[in-house]
Amino acid sequence: MTATALQAFNDAIRNPGNPDHLMVIKDVPRRIRIYHGATLIADSTSALRVLEIGKSFYDPVFYLPEADLKTGLEPVDRSTHCPIKGDASYVAVDGTEIGWVYRTPIPMANRLTAHYAFWPAKVRVVEGE
């Protein structure tokens, strides 16, 4: 039995072309704040946490709704495609790329629509009060 066959992954979103590539989207039951330096980027009590297994087991990522952004983000001329999420657009603050967003994810990842994720090495995440 592989780890991805465990009951915990029964409701996982799976890549149709590779069932071992999957993600689980979970509600976060506490406040999440994202800072870039001293600047508050986002403050949310409606964040999602994405746990993903693909080529490796990726670090969990918080996704915060666009409505909870506290500062403007600049678009970056770059995009990538994920077979279980769709096309990501990237964003920056003061010219530094800090995260990404799925504006129109593929249907199985609709919960991520207009939710922003951030590179952990480029922001500070505060979880809880």
N, C-alpha and C. Protein backbone atom coordinates (compact mmCIF):
# COMPACT_ATOMS: atom_id res chain seq x y z
N MET A 1 0.85 -1.18 0.00
CA MET A 1 0.00 0.00 0.00
C MET A 1 0.90 1.24 0.00
N THR A 2 0.61 2.18 -0.88
CA THR A 2 1.34 3.44 -0.91
C THR A 2 0.66 4.46 -0.01
N ALA A 3 1.41 5.50 0.35
CA ALA A 3 0.85 6.54 1.22
C ALA A 3 -0.38 7.18 0.60
N THR A 4 -0.38 7.36 -0.73
CA THR A 4 -1.49 8.02 -1.39
C THR A 4 -2.75 7.15 -1.45
N ALA A 5 -2.63 5.89 -1.04
CA ALA A 5 -3.80 5.01 -0.99
C ALA A 5 -4.48 5.04 0.38
N LEU A 6 -3.92 5.77 1.33
CA LEU A 6 -4.50 5.85 2.67
C LEU A 6 -5.85 6.55 2.64
N GLN A 7 -6.69 6.23 3.61
CA GLN A 7 -8.03 6.81 3.69
C GLN A 7 -7.99 8.34 3.73
N ALA A 8 -6.95 8.92 4.31
CA ALA A 8 -6.83 10.39 4.39
C ALA A 8 -6.86 11.05 3.02
N PHE A 9 -6.53 10.29 1.99
CA PHE A 9 -6.48 10.84 0.63
C PHE A 9 -7.71 10.46 -0.21
N ASN A 10 -8.73 9.88 0.40
CA ASN A 10 -9.92 9.48 -0.36
C ASN A 10 -10.57 10.64 -1.10
N ASP A 11 -10.59 11.82 -0.50
CA ASP A 11 -11.23 12.98 -1.12
C ASP A 11 -10.23 13.89 -1.83
N ALA A 12 -9.03 13.39 -2.05
CA ALA A 12 -8.00 14.20 -2.71
C ALA A 12 -8.37 14.48 -4.16
N ILE A 13 -7.89 15.61 -4.65
CA ILE A 13 -8.01 15.96 -6.07
C ILE A 13 -6.82 15.33 -6.76
N ARG A 14 -7.08 14.48 -7.74
CA ARG A 14 -6.00 13.73 -8.39
C ARG A 14 -5.84 14.12 -9.85
N ASN A 15 -4.60 14.11 -10.27
CA ASN A 15 -4.25 14.35 -11.67
C ASN A 15 -4.76 13.15 -12.48
N PRO A 16 -5.66 13.38 -13.45
CA PRO A 16 -6.20 12.25 -14.22
C PRO A 16 -5.12 11.45 -14.95
N GLY A 17 -4.02 12.11 -15.31
CA GLY A 17 -2.94 11.42 -16.01
C GLY A 17 -1.93 10.76 -15.09
N ASN A 18 -2.02 11.04 -13.78
CA ASN A 18 -1.08 10.48 -12.81
C ASN A 18 -1.74 10.49 -11.44
N PRO A 19 -2.42 9.43 -11.06
CA PRO A 19 -3.17 9.41 -9.80
C PRO A 19 -2.29 9.56 -8.55
N ASP A 20 -0.96 9.42 -8.69
CA ASP A 20 -0.06 9.64 -7.56
C ASP A 20 0.26 11.13 -7.38
N HIS A 21 -0.19 11.99 -8.31
CA HIS A 21 -0.07 13.45 -8.16
C HIS A 21 -1.43 13.92 -7.67
N LEU A 22 -1.44 14.42 -6.43
CA LEU A 22 -2.73 14.77 -5.83
C LEU A 22 -2.57 15.94 -4.87
N MET A 23 -3.70 16.52 -4.51
CA MET A 23 -3.70 17.58 -3.49
C MET A 23 -4.96 17.47 -2.66
N VAL A 24 -4.82 17.97 -1.44
CA VAL A 24 -5.94 18.07 -0.51
C VAL A 24 -6.04 19.54 -0.13
N ILE A 25 -7.24 20.10 -0.22
CA ILE A 25 -7.49 21.49 0.16
C ILE A 25 -8.25 21.47 1.48
N LYS A 26 -7.70 22.17 2.48
CA LYS A 26 -8.32 22.18 3.80
C LYS A 26 -8.57 23.63 4.24
N ASP A 27 -9.67 23.86 4.93
CA ASP A 27 -9.92 25.15 5.54
C ASP A 27 -8.94 25.35 6.69
N VAL A 28 -8.50 26.58 6.89
CA VAL A 28 -7.62 26.90 8.02
C VAL A 28 -8.49 27.54 9.10
N PRO A 29 -8.54 26.95 10.30
CA PRO A 29 -9.46 27.43 11.33
C PRO A 29 -8.96 28.61 12.16
N ARG A 30 -7.89 29.26 11.72
CA ARG A 30 -7.37 30.41 12.48
C ARG A 30 -6.87 31.50 11.53
N ARG A 31 -6.56 32.63 12.10
CA ARG A 31 -6.13 33.80 11.35
C ARG A 31 -4.74 33.58 10.75
N ILE A 32 -4.58 34.01 9.49
CA ILE A 32 -3.30 33.95 8.79
C ILE A 32 -2.96 35.35 8.31
N ARG A 33 -1.75 35.80 8.63
CA ARG A 33 -1.26 37.09 8.12
C ARG A 33 0.02 36.85 7.34
N ILE A 34 0.16 37.59 6.24
CA ILE A 34 1.33 37.49 5.38
C ILE A 34 2.00 38.86 5.35
N TYR A 35 3.30 38.89 5.64
CA TYR A 35 4.08 40.13 5.61
C TYR A 35 5.22 40.01 4.62
N HIS A 36 5.52 41.10 3.94
CA HIS A 36 6.74 41.23 3.15
C HIS A 36 7.52 42.36 3.81
N GLY A 37 8.57 42.01 4.54
CA GLY A 37 9.24 43.00 5.39
C GLY A 37 8.24 43.42 6.45
N ALA A 38 8.06 44.73 6.61
CA ALA A 38 7.10 45.25 7.60
C ALA A 38 5.72 45.46 7.00
N THR A 39 5.58 45.24 5.70
CA THR A 39 4.31 45.50 5.02
C THR A 39 3.36 44.31 5.15
N LEU A 40 2.15 44.58 5.66
CA LEU A 40 1.12 43.55 5.73
C LEU A 40 0.53 43.37 4.33
N ILE A 41 0.71 42.17 3.79
CA ILE A 41 0.22 41.86 2.44
C ILE A 41 -1.22 41.35 2.49
N ALA A 42 -1.51 40.48 3.46
CA ALA A 42 -2.84 39.88 3.56
C ALA A 42 -3.12 39.49 5.01
N ASP A 43 -4.41 39.54 5.37
CA ASP A 43 -4.86 39.19 6.72
C ASP A 43 -6.19 38.46 6.54
N SER A 44 -6.23 37.18 6.89
CA SER A 44 -7.40 36.38 6.56
C SER A 44 -7.81 35.43 7.68
N THR A 45 -9.11 35.26 7.81
CA THR A 45 -9.67 34.19 8.63
C THR A 45 -10.39 33.18 7.74
N SER A 46 -10.13 33.28 6.42
CA SER A 46 -10.77 32.38 5.44
C SER A 46 -9.74 31.71 4.54
N ALA A 47 -8.55 31.50 5.06
CA ALA A 47 -7.49 30.90 4.25
C ALA A 47 -7.73 29.41 4.01
N LEU A 48 -7.08 28.92 2.98
CA LEU A 48 -7.07 27.50 2.67
C LEU A 48 -5.63 27.01 2.78
N ARG A 49 -5.46 25.75 3.14
CA ARG A 49 -4.14 25.13 3.14
C ARG A 49 -4.17 24.02 2.10
N VAL A 50 -3.17 24.02 1.22
CA VAL A 50 -3.08 22.99 0.19
C VAL A 50 -1.89 22.08 0.51
N LEU A 51 -2.19 20.80 0.58
CA LEU A 51 -1.18 19.77 0.77
C LEU A 51 -1.08 19.02 -0.56
N GLU A 52 0.11 18.98 -1.13
CA GLU A 52 0.25 18.40 -2.48
C GLU A 52 1.39 17.40 -2.52
N ILE A 53 1.13 16.31 -3.22
CA ILE A 53 2.15 15.30 -3.50
C ILE A 53 2.25 15.22 -5.02
N GLY A 54 3.45 15.36 -5.53
CA GLY A 54 3.70 15.26 -6.97
C GLY A 54 5.02 14.56 -7.17
N LYS A 55 5.98 15.30 -7.72
CA LYS A 55 7.33 14.75 -7.86
C LYS A 55 7.97 14.52 -6.50
N SER A 56 7.44 15.22 -5.50
CA SER A 56 7.86 15.03 -4.10
C SER A 56 6.66 15.41 -3.23
N PHE A 57 6.84 15.38 -1.92
CA PHE A 57 5.81 15.88 -1.02
C PHE A 57 6.15 17.34 -0.75
N TYR A 58 5.31 18.23 -1.27
CA TYR A 58 5.60 19.66 -1.18
C TYR A 58 5.19 20.21 0.18
N ASP A 59 5.89 21.26 0.60
CA ASP A 59 5.50 21.93 1.83
C ASP A 59 4.07 22.44 1.70
N PRO A 60 3.27 22.37 2.78
CA PRO A 60 1.92 22.92 2.73
C PRO A 60 1.97 24.41 2.38
N VAL A 61 0.96 24.86 1.64
CA VAL A 61 0.91 26.26 1.20
C VAL A 61 -0.43 26.85 1.60
N PHE A 62 -0.38 28.07 2.17
CA PHE A 62 -1.60 28.81 2.45
C PHE A 62 -2.04 29.54 1.20
N TYR A 63 -3.35 29.55 0.95
CA TYR A 63 -3.96 30.34 -0.12
C TYR A 63 -4.96 31.28 0.54
N LEU A 64 -4.80 32.58 0.31
CA LEU A 64 -5.66 33.59 0.95
C LEU A 64 -6.53 34.28 -0.09
N PRO A 65 -7.82 34.50 0.23
CA PRO A 65 -8.73 35.12 -0.74
C PRO A 65 -8.29 36.53 -1.12
N GLU A 66 -8.54 36.86 -2.37
CA GLU A 66 -8.21 38.19 -2.88
C GLU A 66 -8.81 39.30 -2.02
N ALA A 67 -10.00 39.08 -1.49
CA ALA A 67 -10.68 40.09 -0.65
C ALA A 67 -9.89 40.41 0.62
N ASP A 68 -8.97 39.52 1.01
CA ASP A 68 -8.20 39.74 2.23
C ASP A 68 -6.82 40.36 1.99
N LEU A 69 -6.53 40.73 0.75
CA LEU A 69 -5.27 41.43 0.46
C LEU A 69 -5.35 42.83 1.07
N LYS A 70 -4.25 43.29 1.62
CA LYS A 70 -4.19 44.61 2.27
C LYS A 70 -3.32 45.60 1.51
N THR A 71 -2.69 45.16 0.45
CA THR A 71 -1.85 46.02 -0.37
C THR A 71 -1.95 45.57 -1.82
N GLY A 72 -1.62 46.47 -2.73
CA GLY A 72 -1.67 46.12 -4.14
C GLY A 72 -0.51 45.21 -4.52
N LEU A 73 -0.77 44.28 -5.39
CA LEU A 73 0.26 43.39 -5.91
C LEU A 73 0.43 43.67 -7.39
N GLU A 74 1.66 43.63 -7.85
CA GLU A 74 1.97 43.90 -9.25
C GLU A 74 1.99 42.59 -10.03
N PRO A 75 1.42 42.58 -11.23
CA PRO A 75 1.50 41.36 -12.04
C PRO A 75 2.94 41.16 -12.54
N VAL A 76 3.34 39.92 -12.64
CA VAL A 76 4.63 39.54 -13.20
C VAL A 76 4.36 38.86 -14.53
N ASP A 77 5.18 39.13 -15.52
CA ASP A 77 4.99 38.55 -16.85
C ASP A 77 5.51 37.11 -16.86
N ARG A 78 4.76 36.23 -16.21
CA ARG A 78 5.14 34.82 -16.10
C ARG A 78 3.91 34.01 -15.74
N SER A 79 3.83 32.83 -16.28
CA SER A 79 2.76 31.91 -15.89
C SER A 79 3.28 30.48 -15.98
N THR A 80 2.63 29.60 -15.24
CA THR A 80 2.96 28.18 -15.28
C THR A 80 1.65 27.40 -15.27
N HIS A 81 1.73 26.13 -15.61
CA HIS A 81 0.55 25.27 -15.62
C HIS A 81 0.75 24.09 -14.68
N CYS A 82 -0.27 23.82 -13.88
CA CYS A 82 -0.30 22.64 -13.01
C CYS A 82 -1.48 21.78 -13.46
N PRO A 83 -1.29 20.49 -13.67
CA PRO A 83 -2.39 19.65 -14.15
C PRO A 83 -3.53 19.45 -13.17
N ILE A 84 -3.34 19.80 -11.88
CA ILE A 84 -4.46 19.67 -10.94
C ILE A 84 -4.97 21.01 -10.43
N LYS A 85 -4.33 22.11 -10.86
CA LYS A 85 -4.80 23.43 -10.44
C LYS A 85 -5.11 24.33 -11.63
N GLY A 86 -4.33 24.25 -12.67
CA GLY A 86 -4.54 25.11 -13.83
C GLY A 86 -3.38 26.06 -14.04
N ASP A 87 -3.68 27.23 -14.63
CA ASP A 87 -2.65 28.21 -14.97
C ASP A 87 -2.48 29.23 -13.85
N ALA A 88 -1.25 29.35 -13.36
CA ALA A 88 -0.93 30.31 -12.30
C ALA A 88 -0.35 31.57 -12.92
N SER A 89 -0.76 32.71 -12.36
CA SER A 89 -0.16 34.01 -12.69
C SER A 89 0.62 34.44 -11.47
N TYR A 90 1.72 35.15 -11.69
CA TYR A 90 2.60 35.51 -10.58
C TYR A 90 2.48 36.98 -10.24
N VAL A 91 2.79 37.32 -8.97
CA VAL A 91 2.63 38.68 -8.47
C VAL A 91 3.89 39.10 -7.71
N ALA A 92 4.05 40.43 -7.62
CA ALA A 92 5.23 40.99 -6.97
C ALA A 92 4.82 42.16 -6.08
N VAL A 93 5.74 42.51 -5.18
CA VAL A 93 5.65 43.72 -4.36
C VAL A 93 6.99 44.44 -4.53
N ASP A 94 6.92 45.71 -4.89
CA ASP A 94 8.15 46.50 -5.09
C ASP A 94 9.13 45.80 -6.02
N GLY A 95 8.61 45.15 -7.06
CA GLY A 95 9.46 44.51 -8.05
C GLY A 95 9.97 43.13 -7.68
N THR A 96 9.64 42.64 -6.48
CA THR A 96 10.07 41.31 -6.05
C THR A 96 8.91 40.34 -6.16
N GLU A 97 9.09 39.30 -6.97
CA GLU A 97 8.04 38.28 -7.09
C GLU A 97 7.88 37.60 -5.73
N ILE A 98 6.64 37.57 -5.24
CA ILE A 98 6.41 36.96 -3.92
C ILE A 98 5.35 35.86 -3.93
N GLY A 99 4.60 35.69 -5.02
CA GLY A 99 3.55 34.69 -4.97
C GLY A 99 2.85 34.47 -6.29
N TRP A 100 1.73 33.78 -6.21
CA TRP A 100 0.97 33.42 -7.40
C TRP A 100 -0.51 33.31 -7.08
N VAL A 101 -1.30 33.27 -8.14
CA VAL A 101 -2.76 33.17 -8.01
C VAL A 101 -3.30 32.36 -9.18
N TYR A 102 -4.35 31.59 -8.92
CA TYR A 102 -5.09 30.87 -9.97
C TYR A 102 -6.39 31.64 -10.18
N ARG A 103 -6.42 32.47 -11.21
CA ARG A 103 -7.62 33.29 -11.48
C ARG A 103 -8.77 32.42 -11.97
N THR A 104 -8.47 31.47 -12.83
CA THR A 104 -9.49 30.56 -13.35
C THR A 104 -8.92 29.14 -13.33
N PRO A 105 -8.89 28.53 -12.14
CA PRO A 105 -8.34 27.18 -12.05
C PRO A 105 -9.20 26.18 -12.81
N ILE A 106 -8.66 25.00 -13.03
CA ILE A 106 -9.46 23.97 -13.67
C ILE A 106 -10.59 23.58 -12.69
N PRO A 107 -11.71 23.07 -13.20
CA PRO A 107 -12.89 22.87 -12.36
C PRO A 107 -12.66 22.11 -11.06
N MET A 108 -11.82 21.10 -11.05
CA MET A 108 -11.66 20.33 -9.81
C MET A 108 -10.94 21.12 -8.72
N ALA A 109 -10.35 22.27 -9.07
CA ALA A 109 -9.65 23.11 -8.08
C ALA A 109 -10.34 24.45 -7.89
N ASN A 110 -11.64 24.51 -8.18
CA ASN A 110 -12.39 25.79 -8.10
C ASN A 110 -12.25 26.52 -6.77
N ARG A 111 -12.03 25.80 -5.69
CA ARG A 111 -11.90 26.47 -4.37
C ARG A 111 -10.73 27.44 -4.33
N LEU A 112 -9.77 27.27 -5.23
CA LEU A 112 -8.59 28.13 -5.25
C LEU A 112 -8.79 29.40 -6.08
N THR A 113 -9.94 29.56 -6.71
CA THR A 113 -10.19 30.74 -7.55
C THR A 113 -9.90 32.02 -6.79
N ALA A 114 -9.03 32.86 -7.38
CA ALA A 114 -8.67 34.18 -6.84
C ALA A 114 -8.14 34.11 -5.41
N HIS A 115 -7.46 33.03 -5.07
CA HIS A 115 -6.76 32.89 -3.79
C HIS A 115 -5.26 33.01 -4.07
N TYR A 116 -4.58 33.77 -3.24
CA TYR A 116 -3.15 34.04 -3.44
C TYR A 116 -2.31 33.17 -2.52
N ALA A 117 -1.21 32.65 -3.08
CA ALA A 117 -0.22 31.89 -2.32
C ALA A 117 1.10 32.63 -2.43
N PHE A 118 1.98 32.40 -1.46
CA PHE A 118 3.21 33.18 -1.38
C PHE A 118 4.41 32.28 -1.14
N TRP A 119 5.55 32.67 -1.74
CA TRP A 119 6.80 31.93 -1.55
C TRP A 119 7.23 32.07 -0.09
N PRO A 120 7.35 30.98 0.65
CA PRO A 120 7.71 31.06 2.08
C PRO A 120 9.03 31.80 2.34
N ALA A 121 9.99 31.70 1.43
CA ALA A 121 11.29 32.35 1.64
C ALA A 121 11.23 33.86 1.41
N LYS A 122 10.12 34.35 0.84
CA LYS A 122 10.03 35.77 0.51
C LYS A 122 9.04 36.54 1.36
N VAL A 123 8.31 35.83 2.22
CA VAL A 123 7.33 36.48 3.10
C VAL A 123 7.46 35.89 4.50
N ARG A 124 6.81 36.54 5.43
CA ARG A 124 6.71 36.01 6.80
C ARG A 124 5.25 35.68 7.03
N VAL A 125 4.98 34.47 7.48
CA VAL A 125 3.63 34.00 7.75
C VAL A 125 3.41 33.98 9.25
N VAL A 126 2.32 34.61 9.69
CA VAL A 126 1.94 34.57 11.10
C VAL A 126 0.63 33.80 11.18
N GLU A 127 0.65 32.69 11.90
CA GLU A 127 -0.52 31.85 12.03
C GLU A 127 -1.08 31.98 13.43
N GLY A 128 -2.34 32.33 13.54
CA GLY A 128 -2.97 32.55 14.83
C GLY A 128 -2.94 34.01 15.22
N GLU A 129 -3.47 34.31 16.39
CA GLU A 129 -3.53 35.70 16.87
C GLU A 129 -2.17 36.10 17.32
